[in-house]
Amino acid sequence: MTASFTKLGKDYAFILGESQFQELQIDLESQFEVRAENGKVVLTPLGTISDSAEAREEKFQECMADIHARFGNAMKRLAE
């Protein structure tokens, strides 16, 4: 896989093709860790398309249900 940089105003943009987006499972909202390693630029996606808002909300609700199941009685007593 190859890609290139292009000038965008005073900054530079990293150009990927649609097939590369699909292969990496990223979208325009994906964020990356960027680091230099032995003279190379390493981009590590911090999230993938599967981390959409709906998927995150579902995961959050699952975690809340687990917390409620495990600690619900204790939280109820603390609230009283």
N, C-alpha and C. Protein backbone atom coordinates (compact mmCIF):
# COMPACT_ATOMS: atom_id res chain seq x y z
N MET A 1 0.84 -1.17 0.00
CA MET A 1 0.00 0.00 0.00
C MET A 1 0.89 1.23 0.00
N THR A 2 0.63 2.12 -0.91
CA THR A 2 1.37 3.37 -0.95
C THR A 2 0.39 4.53 -0.87
N ALA A 3 0.86 5.64 -0.36
CA ALA A 3 0.06 6.86 -0.24
C ALA A 3 1.00 8.04 -0.37
N SER A 4 0.44 9.23 -0.41
CA SER A 4 1.29 10.40 -0.57
C SER A 4 0.78 11.56 0.28
N PHE A 5 1.65 12.56 0.45
CA PHE A 5 1.28 13.79 1.12
C PHE A 5 1.02 14.86 0.08
N THR A 6 0.17 15.82 0.41
CA THR A 6 -0.07 16.96 -0.46
C THR A 6 -0.17 18.21 0.41
N LYS A 7 0.15 19.34 -0.16
CA LYS A 7 0.09 20.61 0.57
C LYS A 7 -1.37 21.03 0.66
N LEU A 8 -1.80 21.43 1.86
CA LEU A 8 -3.17 21.87 2.10
C LEU A 8 -3.10 23.13 2.94
N GLY A 9 -3.10 24.28 2.27
CA GLY A 9 -2.89 25.55 2.98
C GLY A 9 -1.46 25.58 3.50
N LYS A 10 -1.31 25.82 4.82
CA LYS A 10 0.02 25.81 5.44
C LYS A 10 0.37 24.45 6.01
N ASP A 11 -0.55 23.49 5.87
CA ASP A 11 -0.35 22.15 6.41
C ASP A 11 -0.17 21.14 5.29
N TYR A 12 0.01 19.89 5.68
CA TYR A 12 0.14 18.79 4.74
C TYR A 12 -0.94 17.76 5.04
N ALA A 13 -1.47 17.14 4.01
CA ALA A 13 -2.50 16.12 4.16
C ALA A 13 -1.97 14.80 3.62
N PHE A 14 -2.32 13.74 4.27
CA PHE A 14 -1.93 12.39 3.87
C PHE A 14 -3.07 11.82 3.04
N ILE A 15 -2.80 11.44 1.81
CA ILE A 15 -3.83 11.01 0.87
C ILE A 15 -3.91 9.49 0.81
N LEU A 16 -5.12 8.96 1.10
CA LEU A 16 -5.39 7.53 0.96
C LEU A 16 -6.53 7.35 -0.02
N GLY A 17 -6.51 6.26 -0.76
CA GLY A 17 -7.61 5.95 -1.68
C GLY A 17 -8.75 5.25 -0.95
N GLU A 18 -9.90 5.16 -1.60
CA GLU A 18 -11.08 4.53 -1.02
C GLU A 18 -10.80 3.08 -0.62
N SER A 19 -10.07 2.35 -1.47
CA SER A 19 -9.76 0.95 -1.16
C SER A 19 -8.90 0.84 0.10
N GLN A 20 -8.02 1.82 0.32
CA GLN A 20 -7.19 1.81 1.52
C GLN A 20 -8.05 2.08 2.76
N PHE A 21 -9.03 2.98 2.63
CA PHE A 21 -9.96 3.22 3.73
C PHE A 21 -10.66 1.93 4.11
N GLN A 22 -11.15 1.22 3.11
CA GLN A 22 -11.87 -0.03 3.37
C GLN A 22 -10.96 -1.08 3.98
N GLU A 23 -9.77 -1.21 3.43
CA GLU A 23 -8.82 -2.20 3.95
C GLU A 23 -8.46 -1.93 5.41
N LEU A 24 -8.28 -0.66 5.74
CA LEU A 24 -7.91 -0.28 7.11
C LEU A 24 -9.11 -0.17 8.04
N GLN A 25 -10.31 -0.27 7.50
CA GLN A 25 -11.55 -0.14 8.25
C GLN A 25 -11.61 1.18 9.01
N ILE A 26 -11.36 2.28 8.27
CA ILE A 26 -11.40 3.61 8.85
C ILE A 26 -12.38 4.46 8.06
N ASP A 27 -12.75 5.60 8.63
CA ASP A 27 -13.58 6.56 7.92
C ASP A 27 -13.04 7.96 8.21
N LEU A 28 -13.74 8.98 7.75
CA LEU A 28 -13.26 10.35 7.90
C LEU A 28 -13.23 10.82 9.35
N GLU A 29 -13.92 10.12 10.24
CA GLU A 29 -13.93 10.51 11.65
C GLU A 29 -12.90 9.73 12.47
N SER A 30 -12.21 8.79 11.85
CA SER A 30 -11.21 8.01 12.57
C SER A 30 -10.06 8.91 13.01
N GLN A 31 -9.55 8.63 14.19
CA GLN A 31 -8.40 9.37 14.70
C GLN A 31 -7.20 8.44 14.76
N PHE A 32 -6.00 9.05 14.71
CA PHE A 32 -4.78 8.26 14.65
C PHE A 32 -3.75 8.76 15.64
N GLU A 33 -2.94 7.85 16.12
CA GLU A 33 -1.72 8.22 16.82
C GLU A 33 -0.67 8.35 15.73
N VAL A 34 0.08 9.45 15.74
CA VAL A 34 1.13 9.67 14.73
C VAL A 34 2.46 9.73 15.46
N ARG A 35 3.41 8.92 15.02
CA ARG A 35 4.73 8.95 15.65
C ARG A 35 5.81 8.65 14.62
N ALA A 36 6.99 9.10 14.92
CA ALA A 36 8.15 8.80 14.09
C ALA A 36 8.88 7.62 14.73
N GLU A 37 9.25 6.66 13.91
CA GLU A 37 9.91 5.46 14.42
C GLU A 37 10.99 5.04 13.43
N ASN A 38 12.24 5.22 13.82
CA ASN A 38 13.37 4.86 12.95
C ASN A 38 13.27 5.50 11.58
N GLY A 39 12.94 6.79 11.54
CA GLY A 39 12.86 7.51 10.28
C GLY A 39 11.60 7.24 9.48
N LYS A 40 10.62 6.55 10.08
CA LYS A 40 9.36 6.25 9.39
C LYS A 40 8.22 6.96 10.12
N VAL A 41 7.18 7.29 9.36
CA VAL A 41 5.96 7.83 9.95
C VAL A 41 5.03 6.65 10.21
N VAL A 42 4.60 6.50 11.45
CA VAL A 42 3.71 5.40 11.80
C VAL A 42 2.37 5.98 12.21
N LEU A 43 1.31 5.63 11.47
CA LEU A 43 -0.05 6.06 11.78
C LEU A 43 -0.79 4.86 12.34
N THR A 44 -1.27 4.97 13.57
CA THR A 44 -2.01 3.88 14.18
C THR A 44 -3.44 4.33 14.42
N PRO A 45 -4.43 3.70 13.78
CA PRO A 45 -5.82 4.09 14.00
C PRO A 45 -6.21 3.88 15.46
N LEU A 46 -6.88 4.87 16.04
CA LEU A 46 -7.36 4.76 17.41
C LEU A 46 -8.78 4.19 17.44
N GLY A 47 -9.41 4.13 16.29
CA GLY A 47 -10.74 3.57 16.19
C GLY A 47 -11.01 3.16 14.77
N THR A 48 -12.00 2.29 14.60
CA THR A 48 -12.36 1.84 13.26
C THR A 48 -13.81 2.17 13.00
N ILE A 49 -14.27 1.86 11.83
CA ILE A 49 -15.67 2.10 11.48
C ILE A 49 -16.58 1.41 12.48
N SER A 50 -16.17 0.26 12.97
CA SER A 50 -17.01 -0.46 13.94
C SER A 50 -17.17 0.34 15.23
N ASP A 51 -16.36 1.38 15.42
CA ASP A 51 -16.48 2.23 16.59
C ASP A 51 -17.39 3.42 16.30
N SER A 52 -18.43 3.20 15.52
CA SER A 52 -19.36 4.27 15.19
C SER A 52 -20.08 4.71 16.45
N ALA A 53 -20.78 5.82 16.37
CA ALA A 53 -21.51 6.35 17.52
C ALA A 53 -22.51 5.31 18.04
N GLU A 54 -23.17 4.61 17.14
CA GLU A 54 -24.15 3.61 17.55
C GLU A 54 -23.47 2.46 18.29
N ALA A 55 -22.33 2.02 17.78
CA ALA A 55 -21.60 0.92 18.42
C ALA A 55 -21.08 1.34 19.79
N ARG A 56 -20.58 2.59 19.89
CA ARG A 56 -20.11 3.07 21.18
C ARG A 56 -21.25 3.18 22.18
N GLU A 57 -22.41 3.66 21.73
CA GLU A 57 -23.57 3.76 22.62
C GLU A 57 -24.02 2.39 23.10
N GLU A 58 -24.02 1.42 22.19
CA GLU A 58 -24.40 0.06 22.56
C GLU A 58 -23.42 -0.51 23.59
N LYS A 59 -22.14 -0.29 23.36
CA LYS A 59 -21.12 -0.77 24.29
C LYS A 59 -21.27 -0.09 25.66
N PHE A 60 -21.56 1.22 25.64
CA PHE A 60 -21.77 1.96 26.88
C PHE A 60 -22.96 1.39 27.65
N GLN A 61 -24.06 1.13 26.95
CA GLN A 61 -25.25 0.59 27.60
C GLN A 61 -24.98 -0.79 28.19
N GLU A 62 -24.21 -1.61 27.47
CA GLU A 62 -23.84 -2.93 28.00
C GLU A 62 -23.02 -2.80 29.28
N CYS A 63 -22.08 -1.86 29.29
CA CYS A 63 -21.25 -1.63 30.48
C CYS A 63 -22.10 -1.13 31.64
N MET A 64 -23.03 -0.21 31.36
CA MET A 64 -23.90 0.30 32.42
C MET A 64 -24.77 -0.81 33.00
N ALA A 65 -25.29 -1.69 32.15
CA ALA A 65 -26.10 -2.81 32.62
C ALA A 65 -25.26 -3.73 33.50
N ASP A 66 -24.02 -3.97 33.11
CA ASP A 66 -23.12 -4.80 33.92
C ASP A 66 -22.85 -4.16 35.27
N ILE A 67 -22.57 -2.86 35.27
CA ILE A 67 -22.31 -2.14 36.52
C ILE A 67 -23.54 -2.19 37.42
N HIS A 68 -24.71 -1.97 36.82
CA HIS A 68 -25.95 -2.00 37.60
C HIS A 68 -26.18 -3.39 38.20
N ALA A 69 -25.93 -4.43 37.41
CA ALA A 69 -26.11 -5.79 37.90
C ALA A 69 -25.15 -6.10 39.04
N ARG A 70 -23.92 -5.62 38.93
CA ARG A 70 -22.91 -5.92 39.94
C ARG A 70 -23.01 -5.04 41.18
N PHE A 71 -23.33 -3.75 40.97
CA PHE A 71 -23.26 -2.80 42.08
C PHE A 71 -24.56 -2.06 42.34
N GLY A 72 -25.65 -2.45 41.67
CA GLY A 72 -26.91 -1.73 41.79
C GLY A 72 -27.41 -1.63 43.22
N ASN A 73 -27.37 -2.73 43.96
CA ASN A 73 -27.85 -2.71 45.35
C ASN A 73 -27.02 -1.77 46.21
N ALA A 74 -25.71 -1.81 46.03
CA ALA A 74 -24.83 -0.94 46.81
C ALA A 74 -25.10 0.53 46.48
N MET A 75 -25.30 0.84 45.21
CA MET A 75 -25.57 2.23 44.81
C MET A 75 -26.92 2.70 45.37
N LYS A 76 -27.89 1.79 45.37
CA LYS A 76 -29.22 2.13 45.91
C LYS A 76 -29.11 2.44 47.40
N ARG A 77 -28.36 1.62 48.14
CA ARG A 77 -28.18 1.88 49.58
C ARG A 77 -27.43 3.16 49.82
N LEU A 78 -26.44 3.47 49.00
CA LEU A 78 -25.70 4.73 49.14
C LEU A 78 -26.60 5.93 48.88
N ALA A 79 -27.52 5.79 47.93
CA ALA A 79 -28.43 6.89 47.60
C ALA A 79 -29.40 7.17 48.73
N GLU A 80 -29.71 6.17 49.53
CA GLU A 80 -30.64 6.34 50.65
C GLU A 80 -29.92 7.00 51.76
